[in-house]
Amino acid sequence: MSRRPPRRRGRPGRSRRQQEDMRLPAVGIAALAAISLLVMVVNWLIAHWWVLVAVLVLLLGGLGWWQHRTQRAQWQRVRRRALRYGLTQLDALTHRQFEHAIRDLMHRDGCADAAQVGGRGDLGADVKATDPYGRRWVIQCKHRRNGDRGAAVGTPDLQVLNGTGRPVHRADVVVMVTNGRITRPGRAFARQQRLHLVDRQVLAQWATGSRPLWELLGAGPPPRRPTARS
Protein backbone atom coordinates (compact mmCIF):
# COMPACT_ATOMS: atom_id res chain seq x y z
CA MET A 1 0.00 0.00 0.00
CA SER A 2 1.22 3.46 -0.84
CA ARG A 3 1.66 5.91 2.00
CA ARG A 4 0.12 9.33 1.84
CA PRO A 5 2.67 12.14 1.81
CA PRO A 6 2.73 14.02 5.10
CA ARG A 7 0.77 17.24 5.20
CA ARG A 8 2.74 20.40 5.48
CA ARG A 9 1.93 22.43 8.51
CA GLY A 10 1.55 26.16 8.19
CA ARG A 11 4.03 28.51 9.70
CA PRO A 12 2.26 30.40 12.48
CA GLY A 13 5.33 32.44 13.18
CA ARG A 14 5.19 34.08 9.79
CA SER A 15 1.47 35.01 10.15
CA ARG A 16 2.12 36.62 13.52
CA ARG A 17 4.92 38.69 12.00
CA GLN A 18 2.62 39.72 9.22
CA GLN A 19 -0.02 40.83 11.73
CA GLU A 20 2.54 42.79 13.71
CA ASP A 21 3.82 44.42 10.52
CA MET A 22 0.24 45.45 9.73
CA ARG A 23 -0.26 46.91 13.24
CA LEU A 24 2.81 49.13 13.09
CA PRO A 25 1.46 51.54 10.46
CA ALA A 26 -1.85 51.81 12.35
CA VAL A 27 -0.04 52.61 15.59
CA GLY A 28 2.10 55.16 13.81
CA ILE A 29 -0.94 56.84 12.28
CA ALA A 30 -2.71 56.98 15.65
CA ALA A 31 0.38 58.46 17.33
CA LEU A 32 0.74 61.03 14.56
CA ALA A 33 -2.92 61.99 14.89
CA ALA A 34 -2.58 62.35 18.66
CA ILE A 35 0.51 64.55 18.28
CA SER A 36 -1.23 66.68 15.66
CA LEU A 37 -4.27 67.11 17.93
CA LEU A 38 -2.05 68.06 20.84
CA VAL A 39 -0.22 70.64 18.73
CA MET A 40 -3.54 72.10 17.59
CA VAL A 41 -4.81 72.35 21.18
CA VAL A 42 -1.58 73.98 22.37
CA ASN A 43 -1.65 76.49 19.51
CA TRP A 44 -5.30 77.28 20.22
CA LEU A 45 -4.60 77.83 23.91
CA ILE A 46 -1.65 80.08 23.09
CA ALA A 47 -3.88 82.14 20.82
CA HIS A 48 -6.64 82.20 23.46
CA TRP A 49 -4.54 82.55 26.61
CA TRP A 50 -7.37 84.26 28.47
CA VAL A 51 -9.23 80.92 28.54
CA LEU A 52 -6.42 79.44 30.64
CA VAL A 53 -6.57 82.42 32.99
CA ALA A 54 -10.36 82.09 33.37
CA VAL A 55 -10.13 78.34 34.04
CA LEU A 56 -7.37 78.91 36.59
CA VAL A 57 -9.42 81.58 38.37
CA LEU A 58 -12.46 79.28 38.46
CA LEU A 59 -10.42 76.40 39.80
CA LEU A 60 -8.81 78.53 42.51
CA GLY A 61 -12.18 80.04 43.43
CA GLY A 62 -13.83 76.62 43.59
CA LEU A 63 -11.00 75.23 45.69
CA GLY A 64 -11.23 78.15 48.10
CA TRP A 65 -15.01 77.77 48.38
CA TRP A 66 -14.68 74.03 49.04
CA GLN A 67 -12.02 74.56 51.71
CA HIS A 68 -14.16 77.22 53.39
CA ARG A 69 -17.21 74.97 53.33
CA THR A 70 -15.23 72.02 54.70
CA GLN A 71 -13.69 74.09 57.49
CA ARG A 72 -17.09 75.55 58.39
CA ALA A 73 -18.65 72.08 58.55
CA GLN A 74 -15.79 70.83 60.74
CA TRP A 75 -16.15 73.83 63.04
CA GLN A 76 -19.89 73.25 63.35
CA ARG A 77 -19.31 69.59 64.24
CA VAL A 78 -16.77 70.57 66.89
CA ARG A 79 -19.10 73.23 68.26
CA ARG A 80 -22.02 70.79 68.42
CA ARG A 81 -19.92 68.19 70.23
CA ALA A 82 -18.86 70.82 72.76
CA LEU A 83 -22.41 72.15 73.24
CA ARG A 84 -23.30 72.39 76.92
CA TYR A 85 -26.07 74.15 78.84
CA GLY A 86 -26.18 74.80 82.55
CA LEU A 87 -29.50 74.80 84.35
CA THR A 88 -29.13 78.50 85.11
CA GLN A 89 -28.80 79.18 81.38
CA LEU A 90 -31.83 77.07 80.58
CA ASP A 91 -33.94 78.71 83.29
CA ALA A 92 -33.18 82.16 81.82
CA LEU A 93 -34.46 81.22 78.35
CA THR A 94 -37.87 81.96 76.92
CA HIS A 95 -40.08 79.02 76.05
CA ARG A 96 -39.19 79.27 72.34
CA GLN A 97 -35.48 79.55 73.15
CA PHE A 98 -35.82 76.49 75.36
CA GLU A 99 -37.25 74.55 72.40
CA HIS A 100 -34.28 75.67 70.28
CA ALA A 101 -31.87 74.51 72.99
CA ILE A 102 -33.49 71.06 73.08
CA ARG A 103 -33.26 70.89 69.30
CA ASP A 104 -29.56 71.77 69.44
CA LEU A 105 -28.91 69.09 72.05
CA MET A 106 -30.59 66.47 69.88
CA HIS A 107 -28.50 67.67 66.96
CA ARG A 108 -25.39 67.34 69.13
CA ASP A 109 -26.35 63.75 69.88
CA GLY A 110 -26.34 62.89 66.18
CA CYS A 111 -29.89 63.70 65.03
CA ALA A 112 -29.04 65.47 61.79
CA ASP A 113 -32.67 66.40 61.02
CA ALA A 114 -33.55 67.76 64.48
CA ALA A 115 -36.02 70.62 64.07
CA GLN A 116 -37.97 72.99 66.28
CA VAL A 117 -41.61 72.76 65.20
CA GLY A 118 -43.40 74.18 68.26
CA GLY A 119 -45.94 76.93 67.78
CA ARG A 120 -49.62 77.45 67.23
CA GLY A 121 -51.22 74.20 66.10
CA ASP A 122 -48.15 72.06 66.83
CA LEU A 123 -50.37 69.27 68.26
CA GLY A 124 -48.08 68.60 71.18
CA ALA A 125 -44.79 68.44 69.24
CA ASP A 126 -42.16 71.09 69.91
CA VAL A 127 -39.10 69.23 68.60
CA LYS A 128 -38.87 66.39 66.09
CA ALA A 129 -35.76 64.37 65.30
CA THR A 130 -34.52 61.05 63.94
CA ASP A 131 -31.73 59.43 65.91
CA PRO A 132 -28.78 57.53 64.34
CA TYR A 133 -30.73 54.29 64.83
CA GLY A 134 -33.58 55.47 62.62
CA ARG A 135 -36.06 56.05 65.45
CA ARG A 136 -38.40 59.02 65.19
CA TRP A 137 -38.51 61.27 68.27
CA VAL A 138 -41.29 63.67 69.22
CA ILE A 139 -40.55 65.95 72.15
CA GLN A 140 -42.80 68.33 73.99
CA CYS A 141 -41.08 71.07 76.01
CA LYS A 142 -42.40 72.66 79.17
CA HIS A 143 -40.22 75.55 80.30
CA ARG A 144 -40.56 76.95 83.79
CA ARG A 145 -38.85 80.27 84.43
CA ASN A 146 -38.70 79.46 88.15
CA GLY A 147 -37.27 75.99 87.52
CA ASP A 148 -38.26 73.42 90.12
CA ARG A 149 -40.20 76.13 91.99
CA GLY A 150 -42.54 76.57 89.05
CA ALA A 151 -45.73 74.70 88.31
CA ALA A 152 -45.17 70.96 87.95
CA VAL A 153 -45.99 69.17 84.71
CA GLY A 154 -49.01 66.99 85.37
CA THR A 155 -51.20 64.33 83.82
CA PRO A 156 -53.22 66.69 81.57
CA ASP A 157 -50.07 67.81 79.71
CA LEU A 158 -48.96 64.22 79.30
CA GLN A 159 -52.40 63.16 78.08
CA VAL A 160 -52.19 65.71 75.27
CA LEU A 161 -48.74 64.44 74.29
CA ASN A 162 -49.86 60.82 74.47
CA GLY A 163 -52.86 61.56 72.26
CA THR A 164 -50.76 62.96 69.40
CA GLY A 165 -47.20 61.62 69.77
CA ARG A 166 -47.74 58.24 68.10
CA PRO A 167 -51.15 58.50 66.38
CA VAL A 168 -50.50 61.90 64.73
CA HIS A 169 -46.71 62.35 64.57
CA ARG A 170 -45.85 58.64 64.09
CA ALA A 171 -43.21 58.79 66.81
CA ASP A 172 -41.19 55.82 68.00
CA VAL A 173 -40.09 57.69 71.13
CA VAL A 174 -42.35 60.24 72.83
CA VAL A 175 -40.69 62.52 75.39
CA MET A 176 -41.71 65.27 77.78
CA VAL A 177 -38.85 67.63 78.67
CA THR A 178 -39.03 70.22 81.41
CA ASN A 179 -36.61 72.24 83.48
CA GLY A 180 -39.06 71.87 86.35
CA ARG A 181 -40.88 69.05 88.11
CA ILE A 182 -43.31 66.29 87.12
CA THR A 183 -46.11 65.17 89.42
CA ARG A 184 -46.38 61.63 90.77
CA PRO A 185 -49.67 60.96 88.94
CA GLY A 186 -47.98 62.24 85.79
CA ARG A 187 -45.09 59.82 86.25
CA ALA A 188 -47.50 56.95 86.77
CA PHE A 189 -49.40 57.86 83.62
CA ALA A 190 -46.14 58.10 81.64
CA ARG A 191 -45.13 54.59 82.73
CA GLN A 192 -48.50 53.20 81.68
CA GLN A 193 -48.38 54.87 78.25
CA ARG A 194 -44.65 54.32 77.55
CA LEU A 195 -43.85 58.03 77.61
CA HIS A 196 -40.32 59.12 78.50
CA LEU A 197 -39.78 61.90 81.03
CA VAL A 198 -36.87 64.33 81.24
CA ASP A 199 -37.23 66.32 84.43
CA ARG A 200 -34.83 68.86 85.87
CA GLN A 201 -32.40 66.23 87.16
CA VAL A 202 -32.20 64.26 83.90
CA LEU A 203 -32.05 67.50 81.91
CA ALA A 204 -29.00 68.60 83.91
CA GLN A 205 -27.20 65.32 83.17
CA TRP A 206 -28.05 65.59 79.50
CA ALA A 207 -27.38 69.28 78.91
CA THR A 208 -24.13 69.49 80.88
CA GLY A 209 -22.72 66.13 79.77
CA SER A 210 -21.95 64.39 76.52
CA ARG A 211 -24.13 61.25 76.63
CA PRO A 212 -27.01 61.13 74.14
CA LEU A 213 -30.50 61.29 75.54
CA TRP A 214 -31.40 57.70 74.59
CA GLU A 215 -28.59 56.40 76.78
CA LEU A 216 -29.81 58.42 79.75
CA LEU A 217 -33.42 57.32 79.29
CA GLY A 218 -32.47 53.66 79.04
CA ALA A 219 -35.52 51.81 77.76
CA GLY A 220 -36.62 52.43 74.21
CA PRO A 221 -37.75 50.68 71.04
CA PRO A 222 -35.20 48.65 69.07
CA PRO A 223 -33.27 50.40 66.28
CA ARG A 224 -35.00 50.66 62.92
CA ARG A 225 -31.73 50.21 61.03
CA PRO A 226 -28.25 48.85 61.91
CA THR A 227 -25.54 51.45 62.45
CA ALA A 228 -21.93 51.52 63.57
CA ARG A 229 -23.22 52.20 67.10
CA SER A 230 -25.58 49.21 67.20
C-alpha atoms as a PDB file:
ATOM      1  CA  MET A   1       0.000   0.000   0.000  1.00  0.00           C
ATOM      2  CA  SER A   2       1.225   3.465  -0.836  1.00  0.00           C
ATOM      3  CA  ARG A   3       1.658   5.912   1.996  1.00  0.00           C
ATOM      4  CA  ARG A   4       0.124   9.332   1.843  1.00  0.00           C
ATOM      5  CA  PRO A   5       2.665  12.138   1.812  1.00  0.00           C
ATOM      6  CA  PRO A   6       2.725  14.020   5.101  1.00  0.00           C
ATOM      7  CA  ARG A   7       0.769  17.245   5.202  1.00  0.00           C
ATOM      8  CA  ARG A   8       2.739  20.404   5.475  1.00  0.00           C
ATOM      9  CA  ARG A   9       1.933  22.431   8.506  1.00  0.00           C
ATOM     10  CA  GLY A  10       1.548  26.158   8.190  1.00  0.00           C
ATOM     11  CA  ARG A  11       4.031  28.508   9.697  1.00  0.00           C
ATOM     12  CA  PRO A  12       2.256  30.396  12.480  1.00  0.00           C
ATOM     13  CA  GLY A  13       5.334  32.440  13.181  1.00  0.00           C
ATOM     14  CA  ARG A  14       5.189  34.084   9.786  1.00  0.00           C
ATOM     15  CA  SER A  15       1.471  35.009  10.145  1.00  0.00           C
ATOM     16  CA  ARG A  16       2.120  36.619  13.524  1.00  0.00           C
ATOM     17  CA  ARG A  17       4.918  38.693  12.001  1.00  0.00           C
ATOM     18  CA  GLN A  18       2.620  39.720   9.216  1.00  0.00           C
ATOM     19  CA  GLN A  19      -0.023  40.826  11.727  1.00  0.00           C
ATOM     20  CA  GLU A  20       2.542  42.790  13.708  1.00  0.00           C
ATOM     21  CA  ASP A  21       3.820  44.416  10.516  1.00  0.00           C
ATOM     22  CA  MET A  22       0.239  45.449   9.735  1.00  0.00           C
ATOM     23  CA  ARG A  23      -0.263  46.911  13.239  1.00  0.00           C
ATOM     24  CA  LEU A  24       2.806  49.132  13.091  1.00  0.00           C
ATOM     25  CA  PRO A  25       1.456  51.542  10.460  1.00  0.00           C
ATOM     26  CA  ALA A  26      -1.854  51.814  12.353  1.00  0.00           C
ATOM     27  CA  VAL A  27      -0.035  52.609  15.595  1.00  0.00           C
ATOM     28  CA  GLY A  28       2.096  55.157  13.814  1.00  0.00           C
ATOM     29  CA  ILE A  29      -0.944  56.838  12.278  1.00  0.00           C
ATOM     30  CA  ALA A  30      -2.709  56.984  15.654  1.00  0.00           C
ATOM     31  CA  ALA A  31       0.380  58.463  17.331  1.00  0.00           C
ATOM     32  CA  LEU A  32       0.739  61.031  14.558  1.00  0.00           C
ATOM     33  CA  ALA A  33      -2.922  61.989  14.886  1.00  0.00           C
ATOM     34  CA  ALA A  34      -2.576  62.353  18.663  1.00  0.00           C
ATOM     35  CA  ILE A  35       0.508  64.554  18.283  1.00  0.00           C
ATOM     36  CA  SER A  36      -1.234  66.684  15.660  1.00  0.00           C
ATOM     37  CA  LEU A  37      -4.268  67.107  17.929  1.00  0.00           C
ATOM     38  CA  LEU A  38      -2.050  68.055  20.844  1.00  0.00           C
ATOM     39  CA  VAL A  39      -0.217  70.640  18.727  1.00  0.00           C
ATOM     40  CA  MET A  40      -3.540  72.102  17.590  1.00  0.00           C
ATOM     41  CA  VAL A  41      -4.811  72.349  21.178  1.00  0.00           C
ATOM     42  CA  VAL A  42      -1.579  73.984  22.374  1.00  0.00           C
ATOM     43  CA  ASN A  43      -1.648  76.492  19.507  1.00  0.00           C
ATOM     44  CA  TRP A  44      -5.297  77.276  20.215  1.00  0.00           C
ATOM     45  CA  LEU A  45      -4.597  77.829  23.907  1.00  0.00           C
ATOM     46  CA  ILE A  46      -1.653  80.077  23.094  1.00  0.00           C
ATOM     47  CA  ALA A  47      -3.881  82.137  20.819  1.00  0.00           C
ATOM     48  CA  HIS A  48      -6.642  82.198  23.460  1.00  0.00           C
ATOM     49  CA  TRP A  49      -4.537  82.546  26.607  1.00  0.00           C
ATOM     50  CA  TRP A  50      -7.370  84.265  28.473  1.00  0.00           C
ATOM     51  CA  VAL A  51      -9.230  80.925  28.537  1.00  0.00           C
ATOM     52  CA  LEU A  52      -6.421  79.440  30.643  1.00  0.00           C
ATOM     53  CA  VAL A  53      -6.574  82.421  32.994  1.00  0.00           C
ATOM     54  CA  ALA A  54     -10.356  82.085  33.369  1.00  0.00           C
ATOM     55  CA  VAL A  55     -10.133  78.342  34.037  1.00  0.00           C
ATOM     56  CA  LEU A  56      -7.370  78.907  36.585  1.00  0.00           C
ATOM     57  CA  VAL A  57      -9.420  81.579  38.366  1.00  0.00           C
ATOM     58  CA  LEU A  58     -12.463  79.282  38.465  1.00  0.00           C
ATOM     59  CA  LEU A  59     -10.416  76.397  39.803  1.00  0.00           C
ATOM     60  CA  LEU A  60      -8.813  78.527  42.513  1.00  0.00           C
ATOM     61  CA  GLY A  61     -12.180  80.036  43.432  1.00  0.00           C
ATOM     62  CA  GLY A  62     -13.830  76.618  43.588  1.00  0.00           C
ATOM     63  CA  LEU A  63     -10.998  75.230  45.694  1.00  0.00           C
ATOM     64  CA  GLY A  64     -11.228  78.154  48.101  1.00  0.00           C
ATOM     65  CA  TRP A  65     -15.007  77.769  48.377  1.00  0.00           C
ATOM     66  CA  TRP A  66     -14.682  74.030  49.039  1.00  0.00           C
ATOM     67  CA  GLN A  67     -12.023  74.558  51.708  1.00  0.00           C
ATOM     68  CA  HIS A  68     -14.158  77.225  53.389  1.00  0.00           C
ATOM     69  CA  ARG A  69     -17.207  74.966  53.329  1.00  0.00           C
ATOM     70  CA  THR A  70     -15.225  72.019  54.703  1.00  0.00           C
ATOM     71  CA  GLN A  71     -13.695  74.093  57.493  1.00  0.00           C
ATOM     72  CA  ARG A  72     -17.089  75.546  58.387  1.00  0.00           C
ATOM     73  CA  ALA A  73     -18.647  72.077  58.546  1.00  0.00           C
ATOM     74  CA  GLN A  74     -15.787  70.834  60.737  1.00  0.00           C
ATOM     75  CA  TRP A  75     -16.152  73.825  63.044  1.00  0.00           C
ATOM     76  CA  GLN A  76     -19.890  73.254  63.346  1.00  0.00           C
ATOM     77  CA  ARG A  77     -19.313  69.587  64.239  1.00  0.00           C
ATOM     78  CA  VAL A  78     -16.774  70.572  66.890  1.00  0.00           C
ATOM     79  CA  ARG A  79     -19.104  73.227  68.265  1.00  0.00           C
ATOM     80  CA  ARG A  80     -22.024  70.788  68.421  1.00  0.00           C
ATOM     81  CA  ARG A  81     -19.918  68.188  70.234  1.00  0.00           C
ATOM     82  CA  ALA A  82     -18.859  70.823  72.758  1.00  0.00           C
ATOM     83  CA  LEU A  83     -22.408  72.152  73.243  1.00  0.00           C
ATOM     84  CA  ARG A  84     -23.298  72.392  76.924  1.00  0.00           C
ATOM     85  CA  TYR A  85     -26.071  74.145  78.839  1.00  0.00           C
ATOM     86  CA  GLY A  86     -26.178  74.797  82.546  1.00  0.00           C
ATOM     87  CA  LEU A  87     -29.504  74.796  84.349  1.00  0.00           C
ATOM     88  CA  THR A  88     -29.129  78.505  85.110  1.00  0.00           C
ATOM     89  CA  GLN A  89     -28.797  79.176  81.384  1.00  0.00           C
ATOM     90  CA  LEU A  90     -31.830  77.071  80.584  1.00  0.00           C
ATOM     91  CA  ASP A  91     -33.937  78.709  83.287  1.00  0.00           C
ATOM     92  CA  ALA A  92     -33.178  82.156  81.824  1.00  0.00           C
ATOM     93  CA  LEU A  93     -34.459  81.223  78.353  1.00  0.00           C
ATOM     94  CA  THR A  94     -37.867  81.960  76.920  1.00  0.00           C
ATOM     95  CA  HIS A  95     -40.075  79.020  76.049  1.00  0.00           C
ATOM     96  CA  ARG A  96     -39.193  79.267  72.341  1.00  0.00           C
ATOM     97  CA  GLN A  97     -35.476  79.555  73.147  1.00  0.00           C
ATOM     98  CA  PHE A  98     -35.818  76.489  75.361  1.00  0.00           C
ATOM     99  CA  GLU A  99     -37.245  74.555  72.403  1.00  0.00           C
ATOM    100  CA  HIS A 100     -34.281  75.667  70.276  1.00  0.00           C
ATOM    101  CA  ALA A 101     -31.867  74.514  72.992  1.00  0.00           C
ATOM    102  CA  ILE A 102     -33.494  71.057  73.084  1.00  0.00           C
ATOM    103  CA  ARG A 103     -33.256  70.888  69.296  1.00  0.00           C
ATOM    104  CA  ASP A 104     -29.561  71.769  69.438  1.00  0.00           C
ATOM    105  CA  LEU A 105     -28.906  69.094  72.054  1.00  0.00           C
ATOM    106  CA  MET A 106     -30.594  66.473  69.879  1.00  0.00           C
ATOM    107  CA  HIS A 107     -28.496  67.670  66.961  1.00  0.00           C
ATOM    108  CA  ARG A 108     -25.386  67.343  69.129  1.00  0.00           C
ATOM    109  CA  ASP A 109     -26.349  63.747  69.884  1.00  0.00           C
ATOM    110  CA  GLY A 110     -26.345  62.895  66.178  1.00  0.00           C
ATOM    111  CA  CYS A 111     -29.891  63.699  65.027  1.00  0.00           C
ATOM    112  CA  ALA A 112     -29.043  65.473  61.789  1.00  0.00           C
ATOM    113  CA  ASP A 113     -32.666  66.401  61.024  1.00  0.00           C
ATOM    114  CA  ALA A 114     -33.553  67.757  64.479  1.00  0.00           C
ATOM    115  CA  ALA A 115     -36.020  70.619  64.069  1.00  0.00           C
ATOM    116  CA  GLN A 116     -37.967  72.986  66.284  1.00  0.00           C
ATOM    117  CA  VAL A 117     -41.608  72.764  65.201  1.00  0.00           C
ATOM    118  CA  GLY A 118     -43.403  74.176  68.256  1.00  0.00           C
ATOM    119  CA  GLY A 119     -45.938  76.928  67.775  1.00  0.00           C
ATOM    120  CA  ARG A 120     -49.624  77.446  67.235  1.00  0.00           C
ATOM    121  CA  GLY A 121     -51.219  74.204  66.100  1.00  0.00           C
ATOM    122  CA  ASP A 122     -48.151  72.057  66.833  1.00  0.00           C
ATOM    123  CA  LEU A 123     -50.373  69.274  68.260  1.00  0.00           C
ATOM    124  CA  GLY A 124     -48.076  68.603  71.177  1.00  0.00           C
ATOM    125  CA  ALA A 125     -44.787  68.443  69.243  1.00  0.00           C
ATOM    126  CA  ASP A 126     -42.161  71.091  69.914  1.00  0.00           C
ATOM    127  CA  VAL A 127     -39.095  69.232  68.595  1.00  0.00           C
ATOM    128  CA  LYS A 128     -38.868  66.389  66.091  1.00  0.00           C
ATOM    129  CA  ALA A 129     -35.757  64.366  65.305  1.00  0.00           C
ATOM    130  CA  THR A 130     -34.519  61.048  63.936  1.00  0.00           C
ATOM    131  CA  ASP A 131     -31.725  59.432  65.913  1.00  0.00           C
ATOM    132  CA  PRO A 132     -28.784  57.529  64.342  1.00  0.00           C
ATOM    133  CA  TYR A 133     -30.732  54.285  64.830  1.00  0.00           C
ATOM    134  CA  GLY A 134     -33.584  55.466  62.615  1.00  0.00           C
ATOM    135  CA  ARG A 135     -36.060  56.047  65.446  1.00  0.00           C
ATOM    136  CA  ARG A 136     -38.402  59.019  65.190  1.00  0.00           C
ATOM    137  CA  TRP A 137     -38.505  61.268  68.266  1.00  0.00           C
ATOM    138  CA  VAL A 138     -41.292  63.675  69.217  1.00  0.00           C
ATOM    139  CA  ILE A 139     -40.546  65.955  72.148  1.00  0.00           C
ATOM    140  CA  GLN A 140     -42.799  68.333  73.994  1.00  0.00           C
ATOM    141  CA  CYS A 141     -41.083  71.066  76.007  1.00  0.00           C
ATOM    142  CA  LYS A 142     -42.405  72.659  79.169  1.00  0.00           C
ATOM    143  CA  HIS A 143     -40.223  75.551  80.301  1.00  0.00           C
ATOM    144  CA  ARG A 144     -40.558  76.953  83.791  1.00  0.00           C
ATOM    145  CA  ARG A 145     -38.852  80.270  84.426  1.00  0.00           C
ATOM    146  CA  ASN A 146     -38.703  79.458  88.148  1.00  0.00           C
ATOM    147  CA  GLY A 147     -37.271  75.993  87.521  1.00  0.00           C
ATOM    148  CA  ASP A 148     -38.260  73.422  90.120  1.00  0.00           C
ATOM    149  CA  ARG A 149     -40.197  76.131  91.992  1.00  0.00           C
ATOM    150  CA  GLY A 150     -42.536  76.575  89.048  1.00  0.00           C
ATOM    151  CA  ALA A 151     -45.734  74.696  88.310  1.00  0.00           C
ATOM    152  CA  ALA A 152     -45.168  70.957  87.950  1.00  0.00           C
ATOM    153  CA  VAL A 153     -45.990  69.171  84.710  1.00  0.00           C
ATOM    154  CA  GLY A 154     -49.007  66.994  85.374  1.00  0.00           C
ATOM    155  CA  THR A 155     -51.196  64.327  83.824  1.00  0.00           C
ATOM    156  CA  PRO A 156     -53.221  66.692  81.570  1.00  0.00           C
ATOM    157  CA  ASP A 157     -50.072  67.812  79.713  1.00  0.00           C
ATOM    158  CA  LEU A 158     -48.956  64.222  79.296  1.00  0.00           C
ATOM    159  CA  GLN A 159     -52.395  63.163  78.078  1.00  0.00           C
ATOM    160  CA  VAL A 160     -52.191  65.714  75.270  1.00  0.00           C
ATOM    161  CA  LEU A 161     -48.737  64.442  74.294  1.00  0.00           C
ATOM    162  CA  ASN A 162     -49.855  60.822  74.466  1.00  0.00           C
ATOM    163  CA  GLY A 163     -52.860  61.559  72.257  1.00  0.00           C
ATOM    164  CA  THR A 164     -50.760  62.956  69.397  1.00  0.00           C
ATOM    165  CA  GLY A 165     -47.199  61.621  69.768  1.00  0.00           C
ATOM    166  CA  ARG A 166     -47.743  58.243  68.101  1.00  0.00           C
ATOM    167  CA  PRO A 167     -51.147  58.504  66.378  1.00  0.00           C
ATOM    168  CA  VAL A 168     -50.495  61.895  64.729  1.00  0.00           C
ATOM    169  CA  HIS A 169     -46.708  62.349  64.573  1.00  0.00           C
ATOM    170  CA  ARG A 170     -45.850  58.640  64.091  1.00  0.00           C
ATOM    171  CA  ALA A 171     -43.211  58.785  66.814  1.00  0.00           C
ATOM    172  CA  ASP A 172     -41.189  55.819  67.997  1.00  0.00           C
ATOM    173  CA  VAL A 173     -40.095  57.686  71.130  1.00  0.00           C
ATOM    174  CA  VAL A 174     -42.352  60.238  72.828  1.00  0.00           C
ATOM    175  CA  VAL A 175     -40.691  62.520  75.387  1.00  0.00           C
ATOM    176  CA  MET A 176     -41.710  65.265  77.785  1.00  0.00           C
ATOM    177  CA  VAL A 177     -38.853  67.625  78.672  1.00  0.00           C
ATOM    178  CA  THR A 178     -39.033  70.216  81.410  1.00  0.00           C
ATOM    179  CA  ASN A 179     -36.606  72.236  83.479  1.00  0.00           C
ATOM    180  CA  GLY A 180     -39.059  71.868  86.349  1.00  0.00           C
ATOM    181  CA  ARG A 181     -40.881  69.050  88.107  1.00  0.00           C
ATOM    182  CA  ILE A 182     -43.311  66.294  87.120  1.00  0.00           C
ATOM    183  CA  THR A 183     -46.112  65.175  89.419  1.00  0.00           C
ATOM    184  CA  ARG A 184     -46.381  61.626  90.767  1.00  0.00           C
ATOM    185  CA  PRO A 185     -49.665  60.960  88.945  1.00  0.00           C
ATOM    186  CA  GLY A 186     -47.980  62.238  85.795  1.00  0.00           C
ATOM    187  CA  ARG A 187     -45.089  59.819  86.246  1.00  0.00           C
ATOM    188  CA  ALA A 188     -47.495  56.945  86.774  1.00  0.00           C
ATOM    189  CA  PHE A 189     -49.401  57.859  83.619  1.00  0.00           C
ATOM    190  CA  ALA A 190     -46.142  58.101  81.639  1.00  0.00           C
ATOM    191  CA  ARG A 191     -45.132  54.586  82.728  1.00  0.00           C
ATOM    192  CA  GLN A 192     -48.503  53.197  81.677  1.00  0.00           C
ATOM    193  CA  GLN A 193     -48.381  54.867  78.252  1.00  0.00           C
ATOM    194  CA  ARG A 194     -44.654  54.316  77.551  1.00  0.00           C
ATOM    195  CA  LEU A 195     -43.848  58.028  77.605  1.00  0.00           C
ATOM    196  CA  HIS A 196     -40.321  59.124  78.496  1.00  0.00           C
ATOM    197  CA  LEU A 197     -39.783  61.896  81.031  1.00  0.00           C
ATOM    198  CA  VAL A 198     -36.874  64.329  81.242  1.00  0.00           C
ATOM    199  CA  ASP A 199     -37.233  66.321  84.431  1.00  0.00           C
ATOM    200  CA  ARG A 200     -34.827  68.859  85.868  1.00  0.00           C
ATOM    201  CA  GLN A 201     -32.405  66.232  87.161  1.00  0.00           C
ATOM    202  CA  VAL A 202     -32.199  64.255  83.902  1.00  0.00           C
ATOM    203  CA  LEU A 203     -32.046  67.502  81.913  1.00  0.00           C
ATOM    204  CA  ALA A 204     -28.998  68.601  83.910  1.00  0.00           C
ATOM    205  CA  GLN A 205     -27.203  65.317  83.171  1.00  0.00           C
ATOM    206  CA  TRP A 206     -28.047  65.590  79.501  1.00  0.00           C
ATOM    207  CA  ALA A 207     -27.376  69.283  78.912  1.00  0.00           C
ATOM    208  CA  THR A 208     -24.129  69.489  80.880  1.00  0.00           C
ATOM    209  CA  GLY A 209     -22.724  66.128  79.770  1.00  0.00           C
ATOM    210  CA  SER A 210     -21.949  64.386  76.520  1.00  0.00           C
ATOM    211  CA  ARG A 211     -24.129  61.249  76.635  1.00  0.00           C
ATOM    212  CA  PRO A 212     -27.010  61.128  74.142  1.00  0.00           C
ATOM    213  CA  LEU A 213     -30.503  61.293  75.539  1.00  0.00           C
ATOM    214  CA  TRP A 214     -31.404  57.697  74.589  1.00  0.00           C
ATOM    215  CA  GLU A 215     -28.586  56.401  76.782  1.00  0.00           C
ATOM    216  CA  LEU A 216     -29.814  58.422  79.747  1.00  0.00           C
ATOM    217  CA  LEU A 217     -33.421  57.319  79.289  1.00  0.00           C
ATOM    218  CA  GLY A 218     -32.473  53.663  79.044  1.00  0.00           C
ATOM    219  CA  ALA A 219     -35.519  51.810  77.763  1.00  0.00           C
ATOM    220  CA  GLY A 220     -36.617  52.428  74.209  1.00  0.00           C
ATOM    221  CA  PRO A 221     -37.750  50.685  71.043  1.00  0.00           C
ATOM    222  CA  PRO A 222     -35.198  48.648  69.068  1.00  0.00           C
ATOM    223  CA  PRO A 223     -33.271  50.399  66.281  1.00  0.00           C
ATOM    224  CA  ARG A 224     -34.997  50.658  62.923  1.00  0.00           C
ATOM    225  CA  ARG A 225     -31.730  50.208  61.030  1.00  0.00           C
ATOM    226  CA  PRO A 226     -28.252  48.854  61.912  1.00  0.00           C
ATOM    227  CA  THR A 227     -25.538  51.446  62.448  1.00  0.00           C
ATOM    228  CA  ALA A 228     -21.931  51.518  63.565  1.00  0.00           C
ATOM    229  CA  ARG A 229     -23.220  52.199  67.095  1.00  0.00           C
ATOM    230  CA  SER A 230     -25.577  49.215  67.198  1.00  0.00           C
END
